[in-house]
Protein backbone atom coordinates (compact mmCIF):
# COMPACT_ATOMS: atom_id res chain seq x y z
CA MET A 1 -12.82 -11.06 -7.32
CA ALA A 2 -13.63 -11.36 -11.48
CA LYS A 3 -11.72 -14.15 -13.54
CA PHE A 4 -8.42 -13.11 -13.93
CA SER A 5 -6.03 -14.19 -16.65
CA ALA A 6 -3.05 -14.18 -18.28
CA GLN A 7 -3.68 -10.91 -20.13
CA ASP A 8 -4.43 -9.46 -16.68
CA ILE A 9 -0.86 -10.02 -15.62
CA VAL A 10 1.54 -7.07 -15.34
CA PRO A 11 4.64 -6.45 -13.68
CA GLY A 12 4.48 -5.09 -10.57
CA GLN A 13 1.59 -7.35 -9.16
CA ARG A 14 1.90 -9.73 -6.01
CA PHE A 15 0.86 -13.35 -5.79
CA GLU A 16 1.19 -15.19 -2.95
CA GLN A 17 2.45 -19.04 -3.03
CA ARG A 18 1.05 -21.55 -0.88
CA GLN A 19 3.94 -21.64 1.73
CA GLY A 20 3.15 -17.94 2.47
CA PHE A 21 6.01 -16.21 0.20
CA ILE A 22 5.18 -13.16 -1.38
CA TRP A 23 6.71 -12.89 -5.07
CA ARG A 24 6.64 -9.84 -7.20
CA VAL A 25 6.36 -10.27 -11.17
CA ALA A 26 9.14 -8.64 -12.63
CA ARG A 27 8.62 -9.29 -16.01
CA LEU A 28 6.68 -11.67 -18.92
CA ILE A 29 8.85 -14.02 -21.00
CA HIS A 30 8.15 -15.18 -24.24
CA PHE A 31 11.09 -18.16 -24.68
CA PRO A 32 11.55 -18.65 -28.51
CA GLY A 33 9.53 -22.12 -30.04
CA GLU A 34 7.40 -22.08 -26.66
CA ASP A 35 4.09 -21.12 -26.67
CA ALA A 36 3.61 -20.89 -23.08
CA MET A 37 4.41 -17.65 -21.92
CA HIS A 38 6.52 -17.50 -18.46
CA VAL A 39 6.92 -14.87 -15.77
CA GLN A 40 10.09 -14.02 -13.53
CA LEU A 41 9.50 -13.40 -10.07
CA ILE A 42 11.12 -11.78 -7.25
CA ASN A 43 10.80 -12.49 -3.82
CA GLU A 44 9.63 -9.54 -1.52
CA ARG A 45 11.69 -10.40 1.18
CA ASP A 46 14.99 -11.55 -0.33
CA SER A 47 15.39 -9.77 -3.98
CA SER A 48 18.28 -12.08 -4.90
CA SER A 49 16.09 -14.85 -4.85
CA THR A 50 14.30 -15.32 -8.32
CA LYS A 51 11.81 -17.90 -10.06
CA THR A 52 10.46 -18.37 -13.31
CA VAL A 53 6.95 -19.73 -13.54
CA SER A 54 4.85 -20.37 -16.99
CA VAL A 55 1.13 -18.24 -16.47
CA SER A 56 -0.63 -21.16 -16.33
CA ALA A 57 1.27 -22.38 -13.00
CA LEU A 58 0.82 -18.65 -11.88
CA LEU A 59 -3.13 -18.65 -12.33
CA ASP A 60 -3.29 -22.14 -10.71
CA ARG A 61 -5.04 -21.26 -7.19
CA ASN A 62 -3.52 -24.32 -5.73
CA LEU A 63 -0.10 -22.82 -6.16
CA PHE A 64 -0.22 -18.90 -6.01
CA LYS A 65 -2.97 -16.34 -5.20
CA LEU A 66 -2.95 -12.35 -6.49
CA VAL A 67 -2.29 -10.07 -3.51
CA GLU A 68 -5.27 -7.67 -3.96
CA LYS A 69 -4.06 -4.13 -3.02
């Protein structure tokens, strides 16, 4: 896979967390006064479970990896 960057993140993409959870990108978020972009993630198994992480954390291969189609 070619290098994946922040500009490549779009809603609907799926990422696997190290613990085996699959998260789907719900939306990209820019908090006022912050330079870093964030994403809201929804757990694939439990849609009531959400989390917000920075794009840099999402792109950290030690934390998440993109689930290819």
